Amino acid sequence: MNISFVIVSYKSFHLLEKHIISIPKENEIIIIENSLDINVKSKFETLYSNVKVIIPQNNLGYAKALNLGLHKAKNNFVMCMVSDVNIKKECLVGISKILDLFEDFAILAPTYSNESIH
């Protein structure tokens, strides 16, 4: 199942590549770079064919940038991400399997369970 990944970033060039590598290549990745750094666009769009970097005219903040990414996404499912939270590849595979189980929903919101805290 194809999922679009929207990543809102601000001067997170050094973190973005880890996300891009962990996301399967058949999935669309949209990065909204709020720092207006055009180098992010040229580097990642050159290296990765499934990445589109949008450089807005000004810093949109998180919510507006996310809405822009959602509007540009081509797939029915979109995972919203920030650049400083790491998601393991196994987690992405698990999410894809869960999406196959549901036919009708608007939002899927996983939670984090830290088993070391009682």
PDB file of N, CA and C in Angstrom:
ATOM      1  N   MET A   1       0.839  -1.171   0.000  1.00  0.00           N
ATOM      2  CA  MET A   1       0.000   0.000   0.000  1.00  0.00           C
ATOM      3  C   MET A   1       0.889   1.241   0.000  1.00  0.00           C
ATOM      4  N   ASN A   2       0.593   2.198  -0.858  1.00  0.00           N
ATOM      5  CA  ASN A   2       1.391   3.409  -0.921  1.00  0.00           C
ATOM      6  C   ASN A   2       0.910   4.437   0.094  1.00  0.00           C
ATOM      7  N   ILE A   3       1.865   4.964   0.802  1.00  0.00           N
ATOM      8  CA  ILE A   3       1.629   5.995   1.801  1.00  0.00           C
ATOM      9  C   ILE A   3       2.504   7.180   1.435  1.00  0.00           C
ATOM     10  N   SER A   4       1.950   8.373   1.550  1.00  0.00           N
ATOM     11  CA  SER A   4       2.765   9.578   1.415  1.00  0.00           C
ATOM     12  C   SER A   4       3.261   9.962   2.804  1.00  0.00           C
ATOM     13  N   PHE A   5       4.509  10.366   2.879  1.00  0.00           N
ATOM     14  CA  PHE A   5       5.093  10.825   4.135  1.00  0.00           C
ATOM     15  C   PHE A   5       5.348  12.312   4.014  1.00  0.00           C
ATOM     16  N   VAL A   6       4.764  13.086   4.921  1.00  0.00           N
ATOM     17  CA  VAL A   6       4.969  14.527   4.935  1.00  0.00           C
ATOM     18  C   VAL A   6       5.830  14.844   6.151  1.00  0.00           C
ATOM     19  N   ILE A   7       6.982  15.447   5.889  1.00  0.00           N
ATOM     20  CA  ILE A   7       7.919  15.789   6.958  1.00  0.00           C
ATOM     21  C   ILE A   7       8.077  17.304   6.978  1.00  0.00           C
ATOM     22  N   VAL A   8       7.726  17.901   8.102  1.00  0.00           N
ATOM     23  CA  VAL A   8       7.933  19.336   8.283  1.00  0.00           C
ATOM     24  C   VAL A   8       9.299  19.517   8.929  1.00  0.00           C
ATOM     25  N   SER A   9      10.107  20.366   8.323  1.00  0.00           N
ATOM     26  CA  SER A   9      11.490  20.527   8.758  1.00  0.00           C
ATOM     27  C   SER A   9      11.844  21.998   8.891  1.00  0.00           C
ATOM     28  N   TYR A  10      12.749  22.267   9.820  1.00  0.00           N
ATOM     29  CA  TYR A  10      13.359  23.596   9.953  1.00  0.00           C
ATOM     30  C   TYR A  10      14.824  23.383  10.312  1.00  0.00           C
ATOM     31  N   LYS A  11      15.689  23.621   9.354  1.00  0.00           N
ATOM     32  CA  LYS A  11      17.129  23.446   9.536  1.00  0.00           C
ATOM     33  C   LYS A  11      17.466  22.057  10.077  1.00  0.00           C
ATOM     34  N   SER A  12      16.845  21.049   9.523  1.00  0.00           N
ATOM     35  CA  SER A  12      17.060  19.671   9.976  1.00  0.00           C
ATOM     36  C   SER A  12      17.717  18.822   8.903  1.00  0.00           C
ATOM     37  N   PHE A  13      18.494  19.453   8.080  1.00  0.00           N
ATOM     38  CA  PHE A  13      19.174  18.792   6.973  1.00  0.00           C
ATOM     39  C   PHE A  13      19.864  17.507   7.432  1.00  0.00           C
ATOM     40  N   HIS A  14      20.536  17.575   8.570  1.00  0.00           N
ATOM     41  CA  HIS A  14      21.320  16.452   9.093  1.00  0.00           C
ATOM     42  C   HIS A  14      20.450  15.292   9.569  1.00  0.00           C
ATOM     43  N   LEU A  15      19.173  15.517   9.815  1.00  0.00           N
ATOM     44  CA  LEU A  15      18.272  14.470  10.298  1.00  0.00           C
ATOM     45  C   LEU A  15      17.427  13.840   9.189  1.00  0.00           C
ATOM     46  N   LEU A  16      17.222  14.554   8.122  1.00  0.00           N
ATOM     47  CA  LEU A  16      16.283  14.122   7.088  1.00  0.00           C
ATOM     48  C   LEU A  16      16.715  12.838   6.381  1.00  0.00           C
ATOM     49  N   GLU A  17      17.989  12.677   6.144  1.00  0.00           N
ATOM     50  CA  GLU A  17      18.442  11.509   5.386  1.00  0.00           C
ATOM     51  C   GLU A  17      18.092  10.197   6.099  1.00  0.00           C
ATOM     52  N   LYS A  18      18.155  10.169   7.437  1.00  0.00           N
ATOM     53  CA  LYS A  18      17.779   8.962   8.173  1.00  0.00           C
ATOM     54  C   LYS A  18      16.322   8.593   7.903  1.00  0.00           C
ATOM     55  N   HIS A  19      15.465   9.590   7.837  1.00  0.00           N
ATOM     56  CA  HIS A  19      14.054   9.328   7.545  1.00  0.00           C
ATOM     57  C   HIS A  19      13.890   8.801   6.125  1.00  0.00           C
ATOM     58  N   ILE A  20      14.527   9.458   5.194  1.00  0.00           N
ATOM     59  CA  ILE A  20      14.389   9.083   3.789  1.00  0.00           C
ATOM     60  C   ILE A  20      14.839   7.641   3.573  1.00  0.00           C
ATOM     61  N   ILE A  21      15.946   7.258   4.185  1.00  0.00           N
ATOM     62  CA  ILE A  21      16.471   5.900   4.032  1.00  0.00           C
ATOM     63  C   ILE A  21      15.540   4.867   4.657  1.00  0.00           C
ATOM     64  N   SER A  22      14.858   5.218   5.740  1.00  0.00           N
ATOM     65  CA  SER A  22      13.997   4.248   6.424  1.00  0.00           C
ATOM     66  C   SER A  22      12.647   4.048   5.741  1.00  0.00           C
ATOM     67  N   ILE A  23      12.273   4.947   4.867  1.00  0.00           N
ATOM     68  CA  ILE A  23      10.975   4.865   4.189  1.00  0.00           C
ATOM     69  C   ILE A  23      11.146   4.103   2.881  1.00  0.00           C
ATOM     70  N   PRO A  24      10.310   3.084   2.647  1.00  0.00           N
ATOM     71  CA  PRO A  24      10.416   2.324   1.383  1.00  0.00           C
ATOM     72  C   PRO A  24      10.340   3.248   0.163  1.00  0.00           C
ATOM     73  N   LYS A  25      11.140   2.938  -0.843  1.00  0.00           N
ATOM     74  CA  LYS A  25      11.280   3.805  -2.018  1.00  0.00           C
ATOM     75  C   LYS A  25      10.008   3.966  -2.841  1.00  0.00           C
ATOM     76  N   GLU A  26       9.060   3.043  -2.686  1.00  0.00           N
ATOM     77  CA  GLU A  26       7.822   3.175  -3.456  1.00  0.00           C
ATOM     78  C   GLU A  26       6.873   4.220  -2.859  1.00  0.00           C
ATOM     79  N   ASN A  27       7.237   4.756  -1.702  1.00  0.00           N
ATOM     80  CA  ASN A  27       6.396   5.754  -1.057  1.00  0.00           C
ATOM     81  C   ASN A  27       6.863   7.165  -1.373  1.00  0.00           C
ATOM     82  N   GLU A  28       5.908   8.034  -1.556  1.00  0.00           N
ATOM     83  CA  GLU A  28       6.179   9.447  -1.795  1.00  0.00           C
ATOM     84  C   GLU A  28       6.599  10.111  -0.479  1.00  0.00           C
ATOM     85  N   ILE A  29       7.638  10.942  -0.548  1.00  0.00           N
ATOM     86  CA  ILE A  29       8.080  11.722   0.606  1.00  0.00           C
ATOM     87  C   ILE A  29       8.025  13.191   0.226  1.00  0.00           C
ATOM     88  N   ILE A  30       7.295  13.953   1.027  1.00  0.00           N
ATOM     89  CA  ILE A  30       7.201  15.398   0.814  1.00  0.00           C
ATOM     90  C   ILE A  30       7.816  16.072   2.032  1.00  0.00           C
ATOM     91  N   ILE A  31       8.822  16.907   1.790  1.00  0.00           N
ATOM     92  CA  ILE A  31       9.469  17.660   2.858  1.00  0.00           C
ATOM     93  C   ILE A  31       9.099  19.132   2.683  1.00  0.00           C
ATOM     94  N   ILE A  32       8.558  19.723   3.726  1.00  0.00           N
ATOM     95  CA  ILE A  32       8.320  21.163   3.725  1.00  0.00           C
ATOM     96  C   ILE A  32       9.463  21.765   4.536  1.00  0.00           C
ATOM     97  N   GLU A  33      10.353  22.487   3.886  1.00  0.00           N
ATOM     98  CA  GLU A  33      11.531  23.051   4.554  1.00  0.00           C
ATOM     99  C   GLU A  33      11.273  24.512   4.901  1.00  0.00           C
ATOM    100  N   ASN A  34      10.894  24.723   6.165  1.00  0.00           N
ATOM    101  CA  ASN A  34      10.531  26.059   6.644  1.00  0.00           C
ATOM    102  C   ASN A  34      11.705  27.019   6.792  1.00  0.00           C
ATOM    103  N   SER A  35      12.946  26.524   6.718  1.00  0.00           N
ATOM    104  CA  SER A  35      14.101  27.419   6.842  1.00  0.00           C
ATOM    105  C   SER A  35      14.374  28.162   5.540  1.00  0.00           C
ATOM    106  N   LEU A  36      13.680  27.765   4.482  1.00  0.00           N
ATOM    107  CA  LEU A  36      13.821  28.360   3.150  1.00  0.00           C
ATOM    108  C   LEU A  36      15.175  28.023   2.509  1.00  0.00           C
ATOM    109  N   ASP A  37      15.845  26.993   3.002  1.00  0.00           N
ATOM    110  CA  ASP A  37      17.155  26.575   2.504  1.00  0.00           C
ATOM    111  C   ASP A  37      16.991  25.778   1.208  1.00  0.00           C
ATOM    112  N   ILE A  38      17.315  26.380   0.100  1.00  0.00           N
ATOM    113  CA  ILE A  38      17.168  25.769  -1.212  1.00  0.00           C
ATOM    114  C   ILE A  38      18.107  24.574  -1.389  1.00  0.00           C
ATOM    115  N   ASN A  39      19.197  24.500  -0.614  1.00  0.00           N
ATOM    116  CA  ASN A  39      20.134  23.372  -0.711  1.00  0.00           C
ATOM    117  C   ASN A  39      19.468  22.052  -0.326  1.00  0.00           C
ATOM    118  N   VAL A  40      18.512  22.103   0.576  1.00  0.00           N
ATOM    119  CA  VAL A  40      17.785  20.889   0.965  1.00  0.00           C
ATOM    120  C   VAL A  40      17.067  20.324  -0.259  1.00  0.00           C
ATOM    121  N   LYS A  41      16.411  21.200  -1.007  1.00  0.00           N
ATOM    122  CA  LYS A  41      15.681  20.777  -2.206  1.00  0.00           C
ATOM    123  C   LYS A  41      16.633  20.175  -3.233  1.00  0.00           C
ATOM    124  N   SER A  42      17.710  20.874  -3.538  1.00  0.00           N
ATOM    125  CA  SER A  42      18.607  20.386  -4.587  1.00  0.00           C
ATOM    126  C   SER A  42      19.271  19.066  -4.195  1.00  0.00           C
ATOM    127  N   LYS A  43      19.661  18.906  -2.934  1.00  0.00           N
ATOM    128  CA  LYS A  43      20.328  17.671  -2.532  1.00  0.00           C
ATOM    129  C   LYS A  43      19.378  16.483  -2.564  1.00  0.00           C
ATOM    130  N   PHE A  44      18.255  16.578  -1.854  1.00  0.00           N
ATOM    131  CA  PHE A  44      17.395  15.412  -1.690  1.00  0.00           C
ATOM    132  C   PHE A  44      16.621  15.051  -2.949  1.00  0.00           C
ATOM    133  N   GLU A  45      16.220  16.023  -3.740  1.00  0.00           N
ATOM    134  CA  GLU A  45      15.524  15.693  -4.986  1.00  0.00           C
ATOM    135  C   GLU A  45      16.467  15.098  -6.013  1.00  0.00           C
ATOM    136  N   THR A  46      17.737  15.427  -5.932  1.00  0.00           N
ATOM    137  CA  THR A  46      18.728  14.845  -6.835  1.00  0.00           C
ATOM    138  C   THR A  46      19.052  13.403  -6.441  1.00  0.00           C
ATOM    139  N   LEU A  47      19.183  13.158  -5.148  1.00  0.00           N
ATOM    140  CA  LEU A  47      19.577  11.830  -4.669  1.00  0.00           C
ATOM    141  C   LEU A  47      18.436  10.816  -4.629  1.00  0.00           C
ATOM    142  N   TYR A  48      17.208  11.271  -4.420  1.00  0.00           N
ATOM    143  CA  TYR A  48      16.087  10.352  -4.192  1.00  0.00           C
ATOM    144  C   TYR A  48      14.909  10.715  -5.097  1.00  0.00           C
ATOM    145  N   SER A  49      14.531   9.790  -5.951  1.00  0.00           N
ATOM    146  CA  SER A  49      13.460  10.060  -6.919  1.00  0.00           C
ATOM    147  C   SER A  49      12.077  10.135  -6.274  1.00  0.00           C
ATOM    148  N   ASN A  50      11.911   9.609  -5.078  1.00  0.00           N
ATOM    149  CA  ASN A  50      10.600   9.636  -4.420  1.00  0.00           C
ATOM    150  C   ASN A  50      10.435  10.817  -3.464  1.00  0.00           C
ATOM    151  N   VAL A  51      11.412  11.742  -3.463  1.00  0.00           N
ATOM    152  CA  VAL A  51      11.369  12.888  -2.554  1.00  0.00           C
ATOM    153  C   VAL A  51      11.051  14.167  -3.312  1.00  0.00           C
ATOM    154  N   LYS A  52      10.093  14.920  -2.757  1.00  0.00           N
ATOM    155  CA  LYS A  52       9.786  16.257  -3.264  1.00  0.00           C
ATOM    156  C   LYS A  52       9.946  17.213  -2.095  1.00  0.00           C
ATOM    157  N   VAL A  53      10.761  18.239  -2.283  1.00  0.00           N
ATOM    158  CA  VAL A  53      10.981  19.238  -1.235  1.00  0.00           C
ATOM    159  C   VAL A  53      10.289  20.523  -1.655  1.00  0.00           C
ATOM    160  N   ILE A  54       9.475  21.031  -0.773  1.00  0.00           N
ATOM    161  CA  ILE A  54       8.773  22.285  -1.024  1.00  0.00           C
ATOM    162  C   ILE A  54       9.399  23.356  -0.131  1.00  0.00           C
ATOM    163  N   ILE A  55       9.833  24.430  -0.762  1.00  0.00           N
ATOM    164  CA  ILE A  55      10.388  25.572  -0.040  1.00  0.00           C
ATOM    165  C   ILE A  55       9.338  26.689  -0.118  1.00  0.00           C
ATOM    166  N   PRO A  56       8.628  26.949   0.987  1.00  0.00           N
ATOM    167  CA  PRO A  56       7.603  28.007   0.942  1.00  0.00           C
ATOM    168  C   PRO A  56       8.263  29.386   0.855  1.00  0.00           C
ATOM    169  N   GLN A  57       7.462  30.401   0.574  1.00  0.00           N
ATOM    170  CA  GLN A  57       7.997  31.764   0.462  1.00  0.00           C
ATOM    171  C   GLN A  57       8.422  32.328   1.814  1.00  0.00           C
ATOM    172  N   ASN A  58       7.817  31.799   2.894  1.00  0.00           N
ATOM    173  CA  ASN A  58       8.212  32.197   4.244  1.00  0.00           C
ATOM    174  C   ASN A  58       7.961  31.026   5.188  1.00  0.00           C
ATOM    175  N   ASN A  59       8.475  31.131   6.403  1.00  0.00           N
ATOM    176  CA  ASN A  59       8.298  30.078   7.395  1.00  0.00           C
ATOM    177  C   ASN A  59       6.817  29.982   7.753  1.00  0.00           C
ATOM    178  N   LEU A  60       6.205  28.857   7.421  1.00  0.00           N
ATOM    179  CA  LEU A  60       4.773  28.673   7.635  1.00  0.00           C
ATOM    180  C   LEU A  60       4.439  28.192   9.042  1.00  0.00           C
ATOM    181  N   GLY A  61       5.431  27.764   9.797  1.00  0.00           N
ATOM    182  CA  GLY A  61       5.147  27.107  11.064  1.00  0.00           C
ATOM    183  C   GLY A  61       4.711  25.674  10.787  1.00  0.00           C
ATOM    184  N   TYR A  62       4.503  24.917  11.864  1.00  0.00           N
ATOM    185  CA  TYR A  62       4.215  23.495  11.690  1.00  0.00           C
ATOM    186  C   TYR A  62       2.853  23.240  11.033  1.00  0.00           C
ATOM    187  N   ALA A  63       1.796  23.823  11.547  1.00  0.00           N
ATOM    188  CA  ALA A  63       0.441  23.491  11.082  1.00  0.00           C
ATOM    189  C   ALA A  63       0.225  23.850   9.615  1.00  0.00           C
ATOM    190  N   LYS A  64       0.589  25.054   9.217  1.00  0.00           N
ATOM    191  CA  LYS A  64       0.403  25.456   7.817  1.00  0.00           C
ATOM    192  C   LYS A  64       1.288  24.634   6.881  1.00  0.00           C
ATOM    193  N   ALA A  65       2.513  24.354   7.331  1.00  0.00           N
ATOM    194  CA  ALA A  65       3.411  23.534   6.501  1.00  0.00           C
ATOM    195  C   ALA A  65       2.838  22.134   6.330  1.00  0.00           C
ATOM    196  N   LEU A  66       2.315  21.571   7.401  1.00  0.00           N
ATOM    197  CA  LEU A  66       1.710  20.246   7.324  1.00  0.00           C
ATOM    198  C   LEU A  66       0.512  20.251   6.378  1.00  0.00           C
ATOM    199  N   ASN A  67      -0.334  21.259   6.475  1.00  0.00           N
ATOM    200  CA  ASN A  67      -1.485  21.358   5.571  1.00  0.00           C
ATOM    201  C   ASN A  67      -1.049  21.465   4.116  1.00  0.00           C
ATOM    202  N   LEU A  68       0.023  22.199   3.849  1.00  0.00           N
ATOM    203  CA  LEU A  68       0.558  22.296   2.488  1.00  0.00           C
ATOM    204  C   LEU A  68       1.002  20.919   1.997  1.00  0.00           C
ATOM    205  N   GLY A  69       1.707  20.187   2.841  1.00  0.00           N
ATOM    206  CA  GLY A  69       2.153  18.844   2.475  1.00  0.00           C
ATOM    207  C   GLY A  69       0.990  17.901   2.245  1.00  0.00           C
ATOM    208  N   LEU A  70      -0.034  17.975   3.085  1.00  0.00           N
ATOM    209  CA  LEU A  70      -1.219  17.134   2.909  1.00  0.00           C
ATOM    210  C   LEU A  70      -1.904  17.434   1.580  1.00  0.00           C
ATOM    211  N   HIS A  71      -1.964  18.705   1.228  1.00  0.00           N
ATOM    212  CA  HIS A  71      -2.585  19.122  -0.033  1.00  0.00           C
ATOM    213  C   HIS A  71      -1.818  18.586  -1.250  1.00  0.00           C
ATOM    214  N   LYS A  72      -0.496  18.507  -1.134  1.00  0.00           N
ATOM    215  CA  LYS A  72       0.342  18.054  -2.248  1.00  0.00           C
ATOM    216  C   LYS A  72       0.451  16.530  -2.345  1.00  0.00           C
ATOM    217  N   ALA A  73       0.100  15.811  -1.288  1.00  0.00           N
ATOM    218  CA  ALA A  73       0.248  14.351  -1.269  1.00  0.00           C
ATOM    219  C   ALA A  73      -0.647  13.696  -2.311  1.00  0.00           C
ATOM    220  N   LYS A  74      -0.126  12.662  -2.959  1.00  0.00           N
ATOM    221  CA  LYS A  74      -0.842  11.979  -4.033  1.00  0.00           C
ATOM    222  C   LYS A  74      -1.553  10.707  -3.583  1.00  0.00           C
ATOM    223  N   ASN A  75      -1.238  10.205  -2.396  1.00  0.00           N
ATOM    224  CA  ASN A  75      -1.801   8.942  -1.943  1.00  0.00           C
ATOM    225  C   ASN A  75      -2.973   9.146  -0.988  1.00  0.00           C
ATOM    226  N   ASN A  76      -3.763   8.090  -0.816  1.00  0.00           N
ATOM    227  CA  ASN A  76      -4.913   8.154   0.086  1.00  0.00           C
ATOM    228  C   ASN A  76      -4.500   8.182   1.549  1.00  0.00           C
ATOM    229  N   PHE A  77      -3.321   7.649   1.863  1.00  0.00           N
ATOM    230  CA  PHE A  77      -2.838   7.609   3.235  1.00  0.00           C
ATOM    231  C   PHE A  77      -1.614   8.494   3.366  1.00  0.00           C
ATOM    232  N   VAL A  78      -1.588   9.284   4.441  1.00  0.00           N
ATOM    233  CA  VAL A  78      -0.478  10.196   4.678  1.00  0.00           C
ATOM    234  C   VAL A  78      -0.010  10.033   6.113  1.00  0.00           C
ATOM    235  N   MET A  79       1.285   9.879   6.279  1.00  0.00           N
ATOM    236  CA  MET A  79       1.874   9.850   7.613  1.00  0.00           C
ATOM    237  C   MET A  79       2.557  11.183   7.838  1.00  0.00           C
ATOM    238  N   CYS A  80       2.144  11.879   8.884  1.00  0.00           N
ATOM    239  CA  CYS A  80       2.701  13.183   9.220  1.00  0.00           C
ATOM    240  C   CYS A  80       3.856  12.996  10.186  1.00  0.00           C
ATOM    241  N   MET A  81       4.983  13.612   9.861  1.00  0.00           N
ATOM    242  CA  MET A  81       6.193  13.420  10.661  1.00  0.00           C
ATOM    243  C   MET A  81       6.900  14.744  10.902  1.00  0.00           C
ATOM    244  N   VAL A  82       7.720  14.746  11.927  1.00  0.00           N
ATOM    245  CA  VAL A  82       8.659  15.844  12.150  1.00  0.00           C
ATOM    246  C   VAL A  82      10.057  15.262  11.991  1.00  0.00           C
ATOM    247  N   SER A  83      10.995  16.091  11.687  1.00  0.00           N
ATOM    248  CA  SER A  83      12.320  15.589  11.329  1.00  0.00           C
ATOM    249  C   SER A  83      13.125  15.059  12.511  1.00  0.00           C
ATOM    250  N   ASP A  84      12.775  15.399  13.730  1.00  0.00           N
ATOM    251  CA  ASP A  84      13.599  14.978  14.861  1.00  0.00           C
ATOM    252  C   ASP A  84      13.057  13.774  15.625  1.00  0.00           C
ATOM    253  N   VAL A  85      12.082  13.085  15.082  1.00  0.00           N
ATOM    254  CA  VAL A  85      11.565  11.864  15.695  1.00  0.00           C
ATOM    255  C   VAL A  85      11.897  10.699  14.764  1.00  0.00           C
ATOM    256  N   ASN A  86      12.649   9.735  15.276  1.00  0.00           N
ATOM    257  CA  ASN A  86      13.055   8.584  14.468  1.00  0.00           C
ATOM    258  C   ASN A  86      12.001   7.485  14.521  1.00  0.00           C
ATOM    259  N   ILE A  87      11.689   6.940  13.373  1.00  0.00           N
ATOM    260  CA  ILE A  87      10.764   5.818  13.282  1.00  0.00           C
ATOM    261  C   ILE A  87      11.503   4.678  12.597  1.00  0.00           C
ATOM    262  N   LYS A  88      11.519   3.534  13.245  1.00  0.00           N
ATOM    263  CA  LYS A  88      12.223   2.385  12.688  1.00  0.00           C
ATOM    264  C   LYS A  88      11.457   1.811  11.497  1.00  0.00           C
ATOM    265  N   LYS A  89      12.208   1.214  10.595  1.00  0.00           N
ATOM    266  CA  LYS A  89      11.633   0.601   9.396  1.00  0.00           C
ATOM    267  C   LYS A  89      10.583  -0.442   9.760  1.00  0.00           C
ATOM    268  N   GLU A  90      10.818  -1.201  10.835  1.00  0.00           N
ATOM    269  CA  GLU A  90       9.859  -2.227  11.274  1.00  0.00           C
ATOM    270  C   GLU A  90       8.516  -1.595  11.665  1.00  0.00           C
ATOM    271  N   CYS A  91       8.574  -0.413  12.248  1.00  0.00           N
ATOM    272  CA  CYS A  91       7.356   0.301  12.617  1.00  0.00           C
ATOM    273  C   CYS A  91       6.560   0.678  11.367  1.00  0.00           C
ATOM    274  N   LEU A  92       7.260   1.130  10.337  1.00  0.00           N
ATOM    275  CA  LEU A  92       6.586   1.510   9.097  1.00  0.00           C
ATOM    276  C   LEU A  92       5.930   0.302   8.438  1.00  0.00           C
ATOM    277  N   VAL A  93       6.595  -0.839   8.489  1.00  0.00           N
ATOM    278  CA  VAL A  93       6.018  -2.075   7.942  1.00  0.00           C
ATOM    279  C   VAL A  93       4.770  -2.440   8.728  1.00  0.00           C
ATOM    280  N   GLY A  94       4.841  -2.325  10.054  1.00  0.00           N
ATOM    281  CA  GLY A  94       3.684  -2.620  10.902  1.00  0.00           C
ATOM    282  C   GLY A  94       2.506  -1.703  10.619  1.00  0.00           C
ATOM    283  N   ILE A  95       2.769  -0.434  10.419  1.00  0.00           N
ATOM    284  CA  ILE A  95       1.698   0.520  10.102  1.00  0.00           C
ATOM    285  C   ILE A  95       1.048   0.154   8.775  1.00  0.00           C
ATOM    286  N   SER A  96       1.855  -0.212   7.804  1.00  0.00           N
ATOM    287  CA  SER A  96       1.315  -0.608   6.505  1.00  0.00           C
ATOM    288  C   SER A  96       0.396  -1.822   6.639  1.00  0.00           C
ATOM    289  N   LYS A  97       0.777  -2.783   7.460  1.00  0.00           N
ATOM    290  CA  LYS A  97      -0.066  -3.975   7.688  1.00  0.00           C
ATOM    291  C   LYS A  97      -1.372  -3.595   8.376  1.00  0.00           C
ATOM    292  N   ILE A  98      -1.317  -2.679   9.327  1.00  0.00           N
ATOM    293  CA  ILE A  98      -2.522  -2.236  10.026  1.00  0.00           C
ATOM    294  C   ILE A  98      -3.483  -1.541   9.059  1.00  0.00           C
ATOM    295  N   LEU A  99      -2.939  -0.731   8.164  1.00  0.00           N
ATOM    296  CA  LEU A  99      -3.786  -0.030   7.203  1.00  0.00           C
ATOM    297  C   LEU A  99      -4.567  -1.004   6.323  1.00  0.00           C
ATOM    298  N   ASP A 100      -3.974  -2.154   6.054  1.00  0.00           N
ATOM    299  CA  ASP A 100      -4.655  -3.166   5.242  1.00  0.00           C
ATOM    300  C   ASP A 100      -5.848  -3.782   5.966  1.00  0.00           C
ATOM    301  N   LEU A 101      -5.881  -3.694   7.285  1.00  0.00           N
ATOM    302  CA  LEU A 101      -6.970  -4.281   8.078  1.00  0.00           C
ATOM    303  C   LEU A 101      -8.225  -3.409   8.107  1.00  0.00           C
ATOM    304  N   PHE A 102      -8.073  -2.112   7.911  1.00  0.00           N
ATOM    305  CA  PHE A 102      -9.194  -1.187   8.031  1.00  0.00           C
ATOM    306  C   PHE A 102      -9.676  -0.732   6.662  1.00  0.00           C
ATOM    307  N   GLU A 103     -10.975  -0.606   6.515  1.00  0.00           N
ATOM    308  CA  GLU A 103     -11.528  -0.137   5.248  1.00  0.00           C
ATOM    309  C   GLU A 103     -11.955   1.319   5.300  1.00  0.00           C
ATOM    310  N   ASP A 104     -12.382   1.777   6.469  1.00  0.00           N
ATOM    311  CA  ASP A 104     -12.947   3.120   6.543  1.00  0.00           C
ATOM    312  C   ASP A 104     -12.507   3.796   7.840  1.00  0.00           C
ATOM    313  N   PHE A 105     -11.621   4.746   7.736  1.00  0.00           N
ATOM    314  CA  PHE A 105     -11.198   5.517   8.900  1.00  0.00           C
ATOM    315  C   PHE A 105     -10.626   6.844   8.420  1.00  0.00           C
ATOM    316  N   ALA A 106     -10.553   7.811   9.325  1.00  0.00           N
ATOM    317  CA  ALA A 106     -10.040   9.123   8.961  1.00  0.00           C
ATOM    318  C   ALA A 106      -8.634   9.358   9.501  1.00  0.00           C
ATOM    319  N   ILE A 107      -8.337   8.785  10.670  1.00  0.00           N
ATOM    320  CA  ILE A 107      -7.027   9.014  11.261  1.00  0.00           C
ATOM    321  C   ILE A 107      -6.603   7.781  12.055  1.00  0.00           C
ATOM    322  N   LEU A 108      -5.339   7.474  11.975  1.00  0.00           N
ATOM    323  CA  LEU A 108      -4.744   6.390  12.748  1.00  0.00           C
ATOM    324  C   LEU A 108      -3.681   7.044  13.616  1.00  0.00           C
ATOM    325  N   ALA A 109      -3.794   6.925  14.927  1.00  0.00           N
ATOM    326  CA  ALA A 109      -2.875   7.594  15.840  1.00  0.00           C
ATOM    327  C   ALA A 109      -2.239   6.588  16.777  1.00  0.00           C
ATOM    328  N   PRO A 110      -1.041   6.123  16.457  1.00  0.00           N
ATOM    329  CA  PRO A 110      -0.370   5.164  17.342  1.00  0.00           C
ATOM    330  C   PRO A 110       0.066   5.840  18.632  1.00  0.00           C
ATOM    331  N   THR A 111       0.243   5.048  19.664  1.00  0.00           N
ATOM    332  CA  THR A 111       0.770   5.567  20.927  1.00  0.00           C
ATOM    333  C   THR A 111       2.076   4.876  21.237  1.00  0.00           C
ATOM    334  N   TYR A 112       2.827   5.469  22.114  1.00  0.00           N
ATOM    335  CA  TYR A 112       4.108   4.900  22.533  1.00  0.00           C
ATOM    336  C   TYR A 112       3.927   4.311  23.918  1.00  0.00           C
ATOM    337  N   SER A 113       4.341   3.096  24.060  1.00  0.00           N
ATOM    338  CA  SER A 113       4.230   2.421  25.345  1.00  0.00           C
ATOM    339  C   SER A 113       5.629   2.097  25.838  1.00  0.00           C
ATOM    340  N   ASN A 114       6.053   2.770  26.887  1.00  0.00           N
ATOM    341  CA  ASN A 114       7.369   2.518  27.460  1.00  0.00           C
ATOM    342  C   ASN A 114       7.180   1.505  28.589  1.00  0.00           C
ATOM    343  N   GLU A 115       7.511   0.272  28.312  1.00  0.00           N
ATOM    344  CA  GLU A 115       7.269  -0.799  29.257  1.00  0.00           C
ATOM    345  C   GLU A 115       8.140  -0.716  30.494  1.00  0.00           C
ATOM    346  N   SER A 116       9.190   0.112  30.481  1.00  0.00           N
ATOM    347  CA  SER A 116      10.046   0.214  31.660  1.00  0.00           C
ATOM    348  C   SER A 116       9.432   1.125  32.726  1.00  0.00           C
ATOM    349  N   ILE A 117       8.408   1.881  32.362  1.00  0.00           N
ATOM    350  CA  ILE A 117       7.712   2.744  33.325  1.00  0.00           C
ATOM    351  C   ILE A 117       6.504   2.004  33.846  1.00  0.00           C
ATOM    352  N   HIS A 118       6.352   1.914  35.157  1.00  0.00           N
ATOM    353  CA  HIS A 118       5.218   1.181  35.739  1.00  0.00           C
ATOM    354  C   HIS A 118       4.193   2.118  36.289  1.00  0.00           C
TER     355      HIS A 118
END
